[in-house]
PDB file of N, CA and C in Angstrom:
ATOM      1  N   MET A   1      34.410  29.034  -4.636  1.00  0.00           N
ATOM      2  CA  MET A   1      33.194  28.692  -5.339  1.00  0.00           C
ATOM      3  C   MET A   1      32.548  29.983  -5.832  1.00  0.00           C
ATOM      4  N   ARG A   2      31.961  29.921  -7.007  1.00  0.00           N
ATOM      5  CA  ARG A   2      31.332  31.111  -7.557  1.00  0.00           C
ATOM      6  C   ARG A   2      30.068  31.436  -6.785  1.00  0.00           C
ATOM      7  N   ARG A   3      29.747  32.729  -6.701  1.00  0.00           N
ATOM      8  CA  ARG A   3      28.562  33.169  -5.978  1.00  0.00           C
ATOM      9  C   ARG A   3      27.288  32.637  -6.624  1.00  0.00           C
ATOM     10  N   SER A   4      27.258  32.536  -7.937  1.00  0.00           N
ATOM     11  CA  SER A   4      26.040  32.091  -8.606  1.00  0.00           C
ATOM     12  C   SER A   4      25.737  30.627  -8.295  1.00  0.00           C
ATOM     13  N   LEU A   5      26.756  29.818  -8.065  1.00  0.00           N
ATOM     14  CA  LEU A   5      26.518  28.417  -7.723  1.00  0.00           C
ATOM     15  C   LEU A   5      25.897  28.291  -6.338  1.00  0.00           C
ATOM     16  N   ILE A   6      26.281  29.147  -5.430  1.00  0.00           N
ATOM     17  CA  ILE A   6      25.704  29.100  -4.091  1.00  0.00           C
ATOM     18  C   ILE A   6      24.240  29.509  -4.145  1.00  0.00           C
ATOM     19  N   ARG A   7      23.933  30.518  -4.947  1.00  0.00           N
ATOM     20  CA  ARG A   7      22.558  31.000  -5.021  1.00  0.00           C
ATOM     21  C   ARG A   7      21.634  30.063  -5.790  1.00  0.00           C
ATOM     22  N   MET A   8      22.170  29.139  -6.566  1.00  0.00           N
ATOM     23  CA  MET A   8      21.326  28.280  -7.392  1.00  0.00           C
ATOM     24  C   MET A   8      20.375  27.436  -6.550  1.00  0.00           C
ATOM     25  N   ALA A   9      20.814  27.017  -5.392  1.00  0.00           N
ATOM     26  CA  ALA A   9      19.965  26.187  -4.537  1.00  0.00           C
ATOM     27  C   ALA A   9      19.365  27.009  -3.410  1.00  0.00           C
ATOM     28  N   GLN A  10      19.135  28.278  -3.634  1.00  0.00           N
ATOM     29  CA  GLN A  10      18.537  29.162  -2.629  1.00  0.00           C
ATOM     30  C   GLN A  10      19.320  29.105  -1.319  1.00  0.00           C
ATOM     31  N   TYR A  11      20.624  29.203  -1.421  1.00  0.00           N
ATOM     32  CA  TYR A  11      21.513  29.225  -0.265  1.00  0.00           C
ATOM     33  C   TYR A  11      21.383  27.954   0.578  1.00  0.00           C
ATOM     34  N   GLY A  12      21.165  26.841  -0.066  1.00  0.00           N
ATOM     35  CA  GLY A  12      21.092  25.575   0.651  1.00  0.00           C
ATOM     36  C   GLY A  12      19.738  25.264   1.242  1.00  0.00           C
ATOM     37  N   LEU A  13      18.718  26.085   0.989  1.00  0.00           N
ATOM     38  CA  LEU A  13      17.405  25.840   1.573  1.00  0.00           C
ATOM     39  C   LEU A  13      16.552  24.913   0.718  1.00  0.00           C
ATOM     40  N   GLU A  14      16.892  24.727  -0.541  1.00  0.00           N
ATOM     41  CA  GLU A  14      16.146  23.828  -1.414  1.00  0.00           C
ATOM     42  C   GLU A  14      17.080  22.746  -1.932  1.00  0.00           C
ATOM     43  N   SER A  15      16.524  21.578  -2.157  1.00  0.00           N
ATOM     44  CA  SER A  15      17.319  20.472  -2.668  1.00  0.00           C
ATOM     45  C   SER A  15      17.339  20.510  -4.185  1.00  0.00           C
ATOM     46  N   GLU A  16      18.510  20.359  -4.743  1.00  0.00           N
ATOM     47  CA  GLU A  16      18.628  20.358  -6.197  1.00  0.00           C
ATOM     48  C   GLU A  16      18.431  18.965  -6.762  1.00  0.00           C
ATOM     49  N   GLY A  17      18.472  17.942  -5.945  1.00  0.00           N
ATOM     50  CA  GLY A  17      18.452  16.577  -6.455  1.00  0.00           C
ATOM     51  C   GLY A  17      19.864  16.151  -6.790  1.00  0.00           C
ATOM     52  N   ALA A  18      20.037  14.891  -7.081  1.00  0.00           N
ATOM     53  CA  ALA A  18      21.359  14.376  -7.393  1.00  0.00           C
ATOM     54  C   ALA A  18      21.493  14.234  -8.899  1.00  0.00           C
ATOM     55  N   ARG A  19      22.098  15.184  -9.516  1.00  0.00           N
ATOM     56  CA  ARG A  19      22.386  15.177 -10.948  1.00  0.00           C
ATOM     57  C   ARG A  19      21.141  14.935 -11.787  1.00  0.00           C
ATOM     58  N   GLY A  20      20.051  15.541 -11.413  1.00  0.00           N
ATOM     59  CA  GLY A  20      18.843  15.438 -12.214  1.00  0.00           C
ATOM     60  C   GLY A  20      18.025  14.184 -11.976  1.00  0.00           C
ATOM     61  N   VAL A  21      18.394  13.352 -11.022  1.00  0.00           N
ATOM     62  CA  VAL A  21      17.646  12.129 -10.741  1.00  0.00           C
ATOM     63  C   VAL A  21      16.508  12.468  -9.806  1.00  0.00           C
ATOM     64  N   ARG A  22      15.289  12.045 -10.166  1.00  0.00           N
ATOM     65  CA  ARG A  22      14.126  12.315  -9.331  1.00  0.00           C
ATOM     66  C   ARG A  22      13.706  11.037  -8.630  1.00  0.00           C
ATOM     67  N   PRO A  23      13.075  11.157  -7.470  1.00  0.00           N
ATOM     68  CA  PRO A  23      12.568   9.957  -6.816  1.00  0.00           C
ATOM     69  C   PRO A  23      11.525   9.277  -7.698  1.00  0.00           C
ATOM     70  N   PRO A  24      11.343   7.952  -7.563  1.00  0.00           N
ATOM     71  CA  PRO A  24      10.458   7.243  -8.492  1.00  0.00           C
ATOM     72  C   PRO A  24       8.997   7.647  -8.397  1.00  0.00           C
ATOM     73  N   PHE A  25       8.504   8.040  -7.230  1.00  0.00           N
ATOM     74  CA  PHE A  25       7.101   8.385  -7.094  1.00  0.00           C
ATOM     75  C   PHE A  25       6.927   9.875  -6.862  1.00  0.00           C
ATOM     76  N   HIS A  26       7.722  10.666  -7.542  1.00  0.00           N
ATOM     77  CA  HIS A  26       7.592  12.107  -7.434  1.00  0.00           C
ATOM     78  C   HIS A  26       6.322  12.520  -8.155  1.00  0.00           C
ATOM     79  N   ARG A  27       5.493  13.283  -7.501  1.00  0.00           N
ATOM     80  CA  ARG A  27       4.220  13.681  -8.093  1.00  0.00           C
ATOM     81  C   ARG A  27       4.477  14.685  -9.205  1.00  0.00           C
ATOM     82  N   ARG A  28       4.095  14.314 -10.388  1.00  0.00           N
ATOM     83  CA  ARG A  28       4.263  15.198 -11.528  1.00  0.00           C
ATOM     84  C   ARG A  28       3.005  16.023 -11.694  1.00  0.00           C
ATOM     85  N   ARG A  29       3.156  17.315 -11.682  1.00  0.00           N
ATOM     86  CA  ARG A  29       2.009  18.202 -11.754  1.00  0.00           C
ATOM     87  C   ARG A  29       1.654  18.459 -13.209  1.00  0.00           C
ATOM     88  N   VAL A  30       0.439  18.112 -13.582  1.00  0.00           N
ATOM     89  CA  VAL A  30      -0.054  18.370 -14.927  1.00  0.00           C
ATOM     90  C   VAL A  30      -1.360  19.117 -14.758  1.00  0.00           C
ATOM     91  N   ASP A  31      -1.309  20.430 -14.883  1.00  0.00           N
ATOM     92  CA  ASP A  31      -2.511  21.225 -14.688  1.00  0.00           C
ATOM     93  C   ASP A  31      -2.938  21.918 -15.978  1.00  0.00           C
ATOM     94  N   TYR A  32      -2.544  21.392 -17.092  1.00  0.00           N
ATOM     95  CA  TYR A  32      -2.908  21.986 -18.359  1.00  0.00           C
ATOM     96  C   TYR A  32      -3.381  20.879 -19.306  1.00  0.00           C
ATOM     97  N   GLN A  33      -4.175  21.253 -20.277  1.00  0.00           N
ATOM     98  CA  GLN A  33      -4.600  20.313 -21.304  1.00  0.00           C
ATOM     99  C   GLN A  33      -3.492  20.216 -22.350  1.00  0.00           C
ATOM    100  N   SER A  34      -3.145  19.009 -22.715  1.00  0.00           N
ATOM    101  CA  SER A  34      -2.133  18.866 -23.753  1.00  0.00           C
ATOM    102  C   SER A  34      -2.737  19.235 -25.109  1.00  0.00           C
ATOM    103  N   PHE A  35      -1.901  19.732 -25.971  1.00  0.00           N
ATOM    104  CA  PHE A  35      -2.362  20.229 -27.264  1.00  0.00           C
ATOM    105  C   PHE A  35      -2.708  19.069 -28.185  1.00  0.00           C
ATOM    106  N   LYS A  36      -3.893  19.122 -28.783  1.00  0.00           N
ATOM    107  CA  LYS A  36      -4.311  18.140 -29.777  1.00  0.00           C
ATOM    108  C   LYS A  36      -4.643  18.894 -31.059  1.00  0.00           C
ATOM    109  N   SER A  37      -3.914  18.583 -32.094  1.00  0.00           N
ATOM    110  CA  SER A  37      -4.157  19.238 -33.374  1.00  0.00           C
ATOM    111  C   SER A  37      -5.410  18.658 -34.018  1.00  0.00           C
ATOM    112  N   GLN A  38      -6.174  19.493 -34.669  1.00  0.00           N
ATOM    113  CA  GLN A  38      -7.372  19.005 -35.349  1.00  0.00           C
ATOM    114  C   GLN A  38      -7.014  18.230 -36.612  1.00  0.00           C
ATOM    115  N   PHE A  39      -5.787  18.351 -37.076  1.00  0.00           N
ATOM    116  CA  PHE A  39      -5.355  17.649 -38.280  1.00  0.00           C
ATOM    117  C   PHE A  39      -4.612  16.357 -37.958  1.00  0.00           C
ATOM    118  N   GLY A  40      -4.290  16.138 -36.703  1.00  0.00           N
ATOM    119  CA  GLY A  40      -3.549  14.943 -36.319  1.00  0.00           C
ATOM    120  C   GLY A  40      -4.463  13.753 -36.078  1.00  0.00           C
ATOM    121  N   PRO A  41      -3.892  12.618 -35.726  1.00  0.00           N
ATOM    122  CA  PRO A  41      -4.703  11.427 -35.474  1.00  0.00           C
ATOM    123  C   PRO A  41      -5.505  11.572 -34.181  1.00  0.00           C
ATOM    124  N   GLU A  42      -6.610  10.848 -34.097  1.00  0.00           N
ATOM    125  CA  GLU A  42      -7.429  10.854 -32.887  1.00  0.00           C
ATOM    126  C   GLU A  42      -6.771   9.955 -31.842  1.00  0.00           C
ATOM    127  N   TYR A  43      -6.570  10.469 -30.676  1.00  0.00           N
ATOM    128  CA  TYR A  43      -6.018   9.674 -29.589  1.00  0.00           C
ATOM    129  C   TYR A  43      -6.611  10.164 -28.286  1.00  0.00           C
ATOM    130  N   LYS A  44      -6.544   9.317 -27.278  1.00  0.00           N
ATOM    131  CA  LYS A  44      -7.038   9.674 -25.955  1.00  0.00           C
ATOM    132  C   LYS A  44      -5.918   9.473 -24.950  1.00  0.00           C
ATOM    133  N   ILE A  45      -5.876  10.343 -23.977  1.00  0.00           N
ATOM    134  CA  ILE A  45      -4.905  10.215 -22.908  1.00  0.00           C
ATOM    135  C   ILE A  45      -5.507   9.303 -21.856  1.00  0.00           C
ATOM    136  N   GLY A  46      -4.789   8.245 -21.524  1.00  0.00           N
ATOM    137  CA  GLY A  46      -5.295   7.259 -20.578  1.00  0.00           C
ATOM    138  C   GLY A  46      -5.346   7.797 -19.163  1.00  0.00           C
ATOM    139  N   TRP A  47      -6.053   7.055 -18.297  1.00  0.00           N
ATOM    140  CA  TRP A  47      -6.189   7.432 -16.893  1.00  0.00           C
ATOM    141  C   TRP A  47      -4.833   7.307 -16.215  1.00  0.00           C
ATOM    142  N   HIS A  48      -4.494   8.290 -15.414  1.00  0.00           N
ATOM    143  CA  HIS A  48      -3.265   8.231 -14.639  1.00  0.00           C
ATOM    144  C   HIS A  48      -3.427   9.096 -13.399  1.00  0.00           C
ATOM    145  N   ALA A  49      -2.766   8.696 -12.335  1.00  0.00           N
ATOM    146  CA  ALA A  49      -2.762   9.459 -11.088  1.00  0.00           C
ATOM    147  C   ALA A  49      -1.412   9.256 -10.422  1.00  0.00           C
ATOM    148  N   TYR A  50      -0.790  10.331  -9.996  1.00  0.00           N
ATOM    149  CA  TYR A  50       0.509  10.309  -9.339  1.00  0.00           C
ATOM    150  C   TYR A  50       1.557   9.576 -10.178  1.00  0.00           C
ATOM    151  N   GLY A  51       1.457   9.661 -11.486  1.00  0.00           N
ATOM    152  CA  GLY A  51       2.440   9.038 -12.353  1.00  0.00           C
ATOM    153  C   GLY A  51       2.208   7.567 -12.617  1.00  0.00           C
ATOM    154  N   LEU A  52       1.100   6.999 -12.151  1.00  0.00           N
ATOM    155  CA  LEU A  52       0.788   5.592 -12.388  1.00  0.00           C
ATOM    156  C   LEU A  52      -0.370   5.489 -13.362  1.00  0.00           C
ATOM    157  N   ASN A  53      -0.222   4.625 -14.361  1.00  0.00           N
ATOM    158  CA  ASN A  53      -1.354   4.385 -15.240  1.00  0.00           C
ATOM    159  C   ASN A  53      -2.176   3.223 -14.684  1.00  0.00           C
ATOM    160  N   MET A  54      -3.230   2.831 -15.374  1.00  0.00           N
ATOM    161  CA  MET A  54      -4.148   1.821 -14.849  1.00  0.00           C
ATOM    162  C   MET A  54      -3.469   0.459 -14.695  1.00  0.00           C
ATOM    163  N   THR A  55      -2.602   0.092 -15.617  1.00  0.00           N
ATOM    164  CA  THR A  55      -1.921  -1.202 -15.536  1.00  0.00           C
ATOM    165  C   THR A  55      -1.012  -1.262 -14.318  1.00  0.00           C
ATOM    166  N   GLN A  56      -0.235  -0.216 -14.100  1.00  0.00           N
ATOM    167  CA  GLN A  56       0.661  -0.194 -12.951  1.00  0.00           C
ATOM    168  C   GLN A  56      -0.122  -0.153 -11.650  1.00  0.00           C
ATOM    169  N   ALA A  57      -1.206   0.625 -11.610  1.00  0.00           N
ATOM    170  CA  ALA A  57      -2.011   0.708 -10.392  1.00  0.00           C
ATOM    171  C   ALA A  57      -2.644  -0.638 -10.070  1.00  0.00           C
ATOM    172  N   THR A  58      -3.126  -1.356 -11.088  1.00  0.00           N
ATOM    173  CA  THR A  58      -3.706  -2.678 -10.864  1.00  0.00           C
ATOM    174  C   THR A  58      -2.656  -3.645 -10.341  1.00  0.00           C
ATOM    175  N   ARG A  59      -1.468  -3.601 -10.892  1.00  0.00           N
ATOM    176  CA  ARG A  59      -0.393  -4.488 -10.447  1.00  0.00           C
ATOM    177  C   ARG A  59      -0.020  -4.199  -8.990  1.00  0.00           C
ATOM    178  N   TYR A  60       0.143  -2.926  -8.648  1.00  0.00           N
ATOM    179  CA  TYR A  60       0.519  -2.586  -7.280  1.00  0.00           C
ATOM    180  C   TYR A  60      -0.599  -2.898  -6.289  1.00  0.00           C
ATOM    181  N   MET A  61      -1.860  -2.691  -6.704  1.00  0.00           N
ATOM    182  CA  MET A  61      -2.967  -3.009  -5.799  1.00  0.00           C
ATOM    183  C   MET A  61      -3.084  -4.512  -5.568  1.00  0.00           C
ATOM    184  N   SER A  62      -2.857  -5.321  -6.599  1.00  0.00           N
ATOM    185  CA  SER A  62      -2.922  -6.768  -6.400  1.00  0.00           C
ATOM    186  C   SER A  62      -1.779  -7.248  -5.514  1.00  0.00           C
ATOM    187  N   LEU A  63      -0.596  -6.661  -5.660  1.00  0.00           N
ATOM    188  CA  LEU A  63       0.510  -7.015  -4.773  1.00  0.00           C
ATOM    189  C   LEU A  63       0.211  -6.610  -3.331  1.00  0.00           C
ATOM    190  N   ALA A  64      -0.336  -5.426  -3.143  1.00  0.00           N
ATOM    191  CA  ALA A  64      -0.663  -4.966  -1.792  1.00  0.00           C
ATOM    192  C   ALA A  64      -1.760  -5.821  -1.173  1.00  0.00           C
ATOM    193  N   ALA A  65      -2.749  -6.228  -1.968  1.00  0.00           N
ATOM    194  CA  ALA A  65      -3.817  -7.087  -1.445  1.00  0.00           C
ATOM    195  C   ALA A  65      -3.265  -8.449  -1.051  1.00  0.00           C
ATOM    196  N   GLY A  66      -2.393  -9.013  -1.859  1.00  0.00           N
ATOM    197  CA  GLY A  66      -1.780 -10.303  -1.522  1.00  0.00           C
ATOM    198  C   GLY A  66      -0.952 -10.228  -0.255  1.00  0.00           C
ATOM    199  N   MET A  67      -0.181  -9.157  -0.112  1.00  0.00           N
ATOM    200  CA  MET A  67       0.612  -8.986   1.109  1.00  0.00           C
ATOM    201  C   MET A  67      -0.288  -8.806   2.327  1.00  0.00           C
ATOM    202  N   GLY A  68      -1.355  -8.043   2.186  1.00  0.00           N
ATOM    203  CA  GLY A  68      -2.272  -7.833   3.309  1.00  0.00           C
ATOM    204  C   GLY A  68      -2.958  -9.110   3.738  1.00  0.00           C
ATOM    205  N   ILE A  69      -3.392  -9.917   2.774  1.00  0.00           N
ATOM    206  CA  ILE A  69      -4.046 -11.181   3.110  1.00  0.00           C
ATOM    207  C   ILE A  69      -3.066 -12.123   3.787  1.00  0.00           C
ATOM    208  N   SER A  70      -1.846 -12.214   3.263  1.00  0.00           N
ATOM    209  CA  SER A  70      -0.872 -13.118   3.874  1.00  0.00           C
ATOM    210  C   SER A  70      -0.482 -12.653   5.275  1.00  0.00           C
ATOM    211  N   LEU A  71      -0.356 -11.348   5.486  1.00  0.00           N
ATOM    212  CA  LEU A  71      -0.052 -10.854   6.831  1.00  0.00           C
ATOM    213  C   LEU A  71      -1.215 -11.079   7.786  1.00  0.00           C
ATOM    214  N   GLY A  72      -2.446 -10.958   7.299  1.00  0.00           N
ATOM    215  CA  GLY A  72      -3.610 -11.226   8.141  1.00  0.00           C
ATOM    216  C   GLY A  72      -3.682 -12.680   8.560  1.00  0.00           C
ATOM    217  N   ILE A  73      -3.434 -13.593   7.621  1.00  0.00           N
ATOM    218  CA  ILE A  73      -3.444 -15.024   7.953  1.00  0.00           C
ATOM    219  C   ILE A  73      -2.318 -15.347   8.918  1.00  0.00           C
ATOM    220  N   PHE A  74      -1.134 -14.773   8.704  1.00  0.00           N
ATOM    221  CA  PHE A  74      -0.035 -14.985   9.643  1.00  0.00           C
ATOM    222  C   PHE A  74      -0.403 -14.485  11.033  1.00  0.00           C
ATOM    223  N   GLY A  75      -1.038 -13.313  11.106  1.00  0.00           N
ATOM    224  CA  GLY A  75      -1.428 -12.765  12.407  1.00  0.00           C
ATOM    225  C   GLY A  75      -2.427 -13.645  13.128  1.00  0.00           C
ATOM    226  N   ILE A  76      -3.382 -14.211  12.389  1.00  0.00           N
ATOM    227  CA  ILE A  76      -4.364 -15.107  13.007  1.00  0.00           C
ATOM    228  C   ILE A  76      -3.688 -16.361  13.544  1.00  0.00           C
ATOM    229  N   PHE A  77      -2.800 -16.978  12.760  1.00  0.00           N
ATOM    230  CA  PHE A  77      -2.119 -18.182  13.228  1.00  0.00           C
ATOM    231  C   PHE A  77      -1.127 -17.879  14.339  1.00  0.00           C
ATOM    232  N   PHE A  78      -0.540 -16.703  14.331  1.00  0.00           N
ATOM    233  CA  PHE A  78       0.406 -16.332  15.382  1.00  0.00           C
ATOM    234  C   PHE A  78      -0.311 -16.102  16.708  1.00  0.00           C
ATOM    235  N   LEU A  79      -1.524 -15.570  16.654  1.00  0.00           N
ATOM    236  CA  LEU A  79      -2.271 -15.245  17.870  1.00  0.00           C
ATOM    237  C   LEU A  79      -3.368 -16.257  18.182  1.00  0.00           C
ATOM    238  N   ASP A  80      -3.311 -17.469  17.604  1.00  0.00           N
ATOM    239  CA  ASP A  80      -4.402 -18.413  17.823  1.00  0.00           C
ATOM    240  C   ASP A  80      -4.437 -18.977  19.235  1.00  0.00           C
ATOM    241  N   ALA A  81      -3.395 -18.808  20.034  1.00  0.00           N
ATOM    242  CA  ALA A  81      -3.406 -19.306  21.410  1.00  0.00           C
ATOM    243  C   ALA A  81      -3.985 -18.288  22.388  1.00  0.00           C
ATOM    244  N   VAL A  82      -4.222 -17.079  21.957  1.00  0.00           N
ATOM    245  CA  VAL A  82      -4.780 -16.044  22.823  1.00  0.00           C
ATOM    246  C   VAL A  82      -6.286 -16.288  22.955  1.00  0.00           C
ATOM    247  N   PRO A  83      -6.811 -16.421  24.185  1.00  0.00           N
ATOM    248  CA  PRO A  83      -8.235 -16.740  24.349  1.00  0.00           C
ATOM    249  C   PRO A  83      -9.172 -15.713  23.724  1.00  0.00           C
ATOM    250  N   ARG A  84      -8.829 -14.458  23.774  1.00  0.00           N
ATOM    251  CA  ARG A  84      -9.695 -13.430  23.207  1.00  0.00           C
ATOM    252  C   ARG A  84      -9.818 -13.591  21.688  1.00  0.00           C
ATOM    253  N   VAL A  85      -8.713 -13.917  21.032  1.00  0.00           N
ATOM    254  CA  VAL A  85      -8.736 -14.138  19.589  1.00  0.00           C
ATOM    255  C   VAL A  85      -9.543 -15.394  19.268  1.00  0.00           C
ATOM    256  N   GLN A  86      -9.407 -16.420  20.101  1.00  0.00           N
ATOM    257  CA  GLN A  86     -10.181 -17.647  19.880  1.00  0.00           C
ATOM    258  C   GLN A  86     -11.675 -17.376  19.981  1.00  0.00           C
ATOM    259  N   ARG A  87     -12.090 -16.650  21.019  1.00  0.00           N
ATOM    260  CA  ARG A  87     -13.523 -16.382  21.218  1.00  0.00           C
ATOM    261  C   ARG A  87     -14.088 -15.460  20.149  1.00  0.00           C
ATOM    262  N   ASP A  88     -13.388 -14.380  19.871  1.00  0.00           N
ATOM    263  CA  ASP A  88     -13.948 -13.337  19.005  1.00  0.00           C
ATOM    264  C   ASP A  88     -13.812 -13.625  17.515  1.00  0.00           C
ATOM    265  N   ILE A  89     -12.779 -14.350  17.114  1.00  0.00           N
ATOM    266  CA  ILE A  89     -12.532 -14.535  15.687  1.00  0.00           C
ATOM    267  C   ILE A  89     -12.623 -16.001  15.275  1.00  0.00           C
ATOM    268  N   LEU A  90     -11.801 -16.844  15.902  1.00  0.00           N
ATOM    269  CA  LEU A  90     -11.625 -18.197  15.389  1.00  0.00           C
ATOM    270  C   LEU A  90     -12.832 -19.095  15.621  1.00  0.00           C
ATOM    271  N   GLN A  91     -13.542 -18.938  16.728  1.00  0.00           N
ATOM    272  CA  GLN A  91     -14.709 -19.785  16.978  1.00  0.00           C
ATOM    273  C   GLN A  91     -15.871 -19.448  16.050  1.00  0.00           C
ATOM    274  N   LYS A  92     -15.833 -18.317  15.408  1.00  0.00           N
ATOM    275  CA  LYS A  92     -16.918 -17.911  14.515  1.00  0.00           C
ATOM    276  C   LYS A  92     -16.676 -18.311  13.061  1.00  0.00           C
ATOM    277  N   LEU A  93     -15.561 -18.971  12.783  1.00  0.00           N
ATOM    278  CA  LEU A  93     -15.301 -19.447  11.425  1.00  0.00           C
ATOM    279  C   LEU A  93     -16.174 -20.669  11.144  1.00  0.00           C
ATOM    280  N   PRO A  94     -16.706 -20.814   9.936  1.00  0.00           N
ATOM    281  CA  PRO A  94     -17.726 -21.833   9.667  1.00  0.00           C
ATOM    282  C   PRO A  94     -17.293 -23.278   9.888  1.00  0.00           C
ATOM    283  N   PHE A  95     -16.184 -23.733   9.352  1.00  0.00           N
ATOM    284  CA  PHE A  95     -15.857 -25.157   9.398  1.00  0.00           C
ATOM    285  C   PHE A  95     -14.869 -25.520  10.495  1.00  0.00           C
ATOM    286  N   ILE A  96     -14.007 -24.604  10.886  1.00  0.00           N
ATOM    287  CA  ILE A  96     -12.980 -24.930  11.874  1.00  0.00           C
ATOM    288  C   ILE A  96     -13.233 -24.270  13.217  1.00  0.00           C
ATOM    289  N   GLY A  97     -14.374 -23.636  13.401  1.00  0.00           N
ATOM    290  CA  GLY A  97     -14.655 -22.934  14.652  1.00  0.00           C
ATOM    291  C   GLY A  97     -14.768 -23.852  15.847  1.00  0.00           C
ATOM    292  N   SER A  98     -15.284 -25.068  15.655  1.00  0.00           N
ATOM    293  CA  SER A  98     -15.445 -25.993  16.787  1.00  0.00           C
ATOM    294  C   SER A  98     -14.104 -26.493  17.304  1.00  0.00           C
ATOM    295  N   TYR A  99     -13.051 -26.423  16.504  1.00  0.00           N
ATOM    296  CA  TYR A  99     -11.722 -26.844  16.945  1.00  0.00           C
ATOM    297  C   TYR A  99     -11.196 -25.934  18.053  1.00  0.00           C
ATOM    298  N   PHE A 100     -11.607 -24.692  18.072  1.00  0.00           N
ATOM    299  CA  PHE A 100     -11.091 -23.722  19.031  1.00  0.00           C
ATOM    300  C   PHE A 100     -11.975 -23.573  20.265  1.00  0.00           C
ATOM    301  N   VAL A 101     -13.005 -24.396  20.417  1.00  0.00           N
ATOM    302  CA  VAL A 101     -13.847 -24.378  21.614  1.00  0.00           C
ATOM    303  C   VAL A 101     -13.207 -25.319  22.627  1.00  0.00           C
ATOM    304  N   HIS A 102     -12.788 -24.776  23.768  1.00  0.00           N
ATOM    305  CA  HIS A 102     -12.140 -25.575  24.809  1.00  0.00           C
ATOM    306  C   HIS A 102     -13.021 -25.563  26.049  1.00  0.00           C
ATOM    307  N   GLU A 103     -13.639 -26.698  26.313  1.00  0.00           N
ATOM    308  CA  GLU A 103     -14.466 -26.824  27.513  1.00  0.00           C
ATOM    309  C   GLU A 103     -13.723 -27.681  28.526  1.00  0.00           C
ATOM    310  N   VAL A 104     -13.730 -27.238  29.764  1.00  0.00           N
ATOM    311  CA  VAL A 104     -13.059 -27.963  30.838  1.00  0.00           C
ATOM    312  C   VAL A 104     -14.018 -29.046  31.343  1.00  0.00           C
ATOM    313  N   PRO A 105     -13.559 -30.321  31.412  1.00  0.00           N
ATOM    314  CA  PRO A 105     -14.429 -31.368  31.953  1.00  0.00           C
ATOM    315  C   PRO A 105     -14.779 -31.082  33.413  1.00  0.00           C
ATOM    316  N   PRO A 106     -15.947 -31.549  33.883  1.00  0.00           N
ATOM    317  CA  PRO A 106     -16.363 -31.238  35.256  1.00  0.00           C
ATOM    318  C   PRO A 106     -15.413 -31.773  36.317  1.00  0.00           C
ATOM    319  N   GLU A 107     -14.766 -32.900  36.062  1.00  0.00           N
ATOM    320  CA  GLU A 107     -13.855 -33.451  37.076  1.00  0.00           C
ATOM    321  C   GLU A 107     -12.562 -32.661  37.188  1.00  0.00           C
ATOM    322  N   ASP A 108     -12.212 -31.881  36.153  1.00  0.00           N
ATOM    323  CA  ASP A 108     -11.007 -31.054  36.215  1.00  0.00           C
ATOM    324  C   ASP A 108     -11.291 -29.640  36.703  1.00  0.00           C
ATOM    325  N   ASN A 109     -12.541 -29.280  36.846  1.00  0.00           N
ATOM    326  CA  ASN A 109     -12.913 -27.939  37.271  1.00  0.00           C
ATOM    327  C   ASN A 109     -12.775 -27.833  38.787  1.00  0.00           C
ATOM    328  N   PRO A 110     -11.943 -26.935  39.298  1.00  0.00           N
ATOM    329  CA  PRO A 110     -11.746 -26.848  40.750  1.00  0.00           C
ATOM    330  C   PRO A 110     -12.906 -26.162  41.472  1.00  0.00           C
ATOM    331  N   PHE A 111     -13.840 -25.577  40.779  1.00  0.00           N
ATOM    332  CA  PHE A 111     -14.905 -24.834  41.449  1.00  0.00           C
ATOM    333  C   PHE A 111     -16.157 -25.635  41.558  1.00  0.00           C
TER     334      PHE A 111
END
């Protein structure tokens, strides 16, 4: 192997990537103002952060919110038999809270 090929990746200490392919959410650094000619058309650069524009960010946030809500509802139904969850969360719900109140009749109480 040629010596220059070994040195290209800093002797194996840095990753070159696989044939120029970058990870999808690689942070692209833009620390300069792009050139706008005074003779060209008027345009504005849209909002973007970490390579996501507003449309993509809205789509990903709505997907994440939907997943979070569905996981929260699953967690509540999965843990509905735990007395602590019943007392602290489920009994305080407006319409279905009375369903989770379990009172022992006096004849079944051993004390």
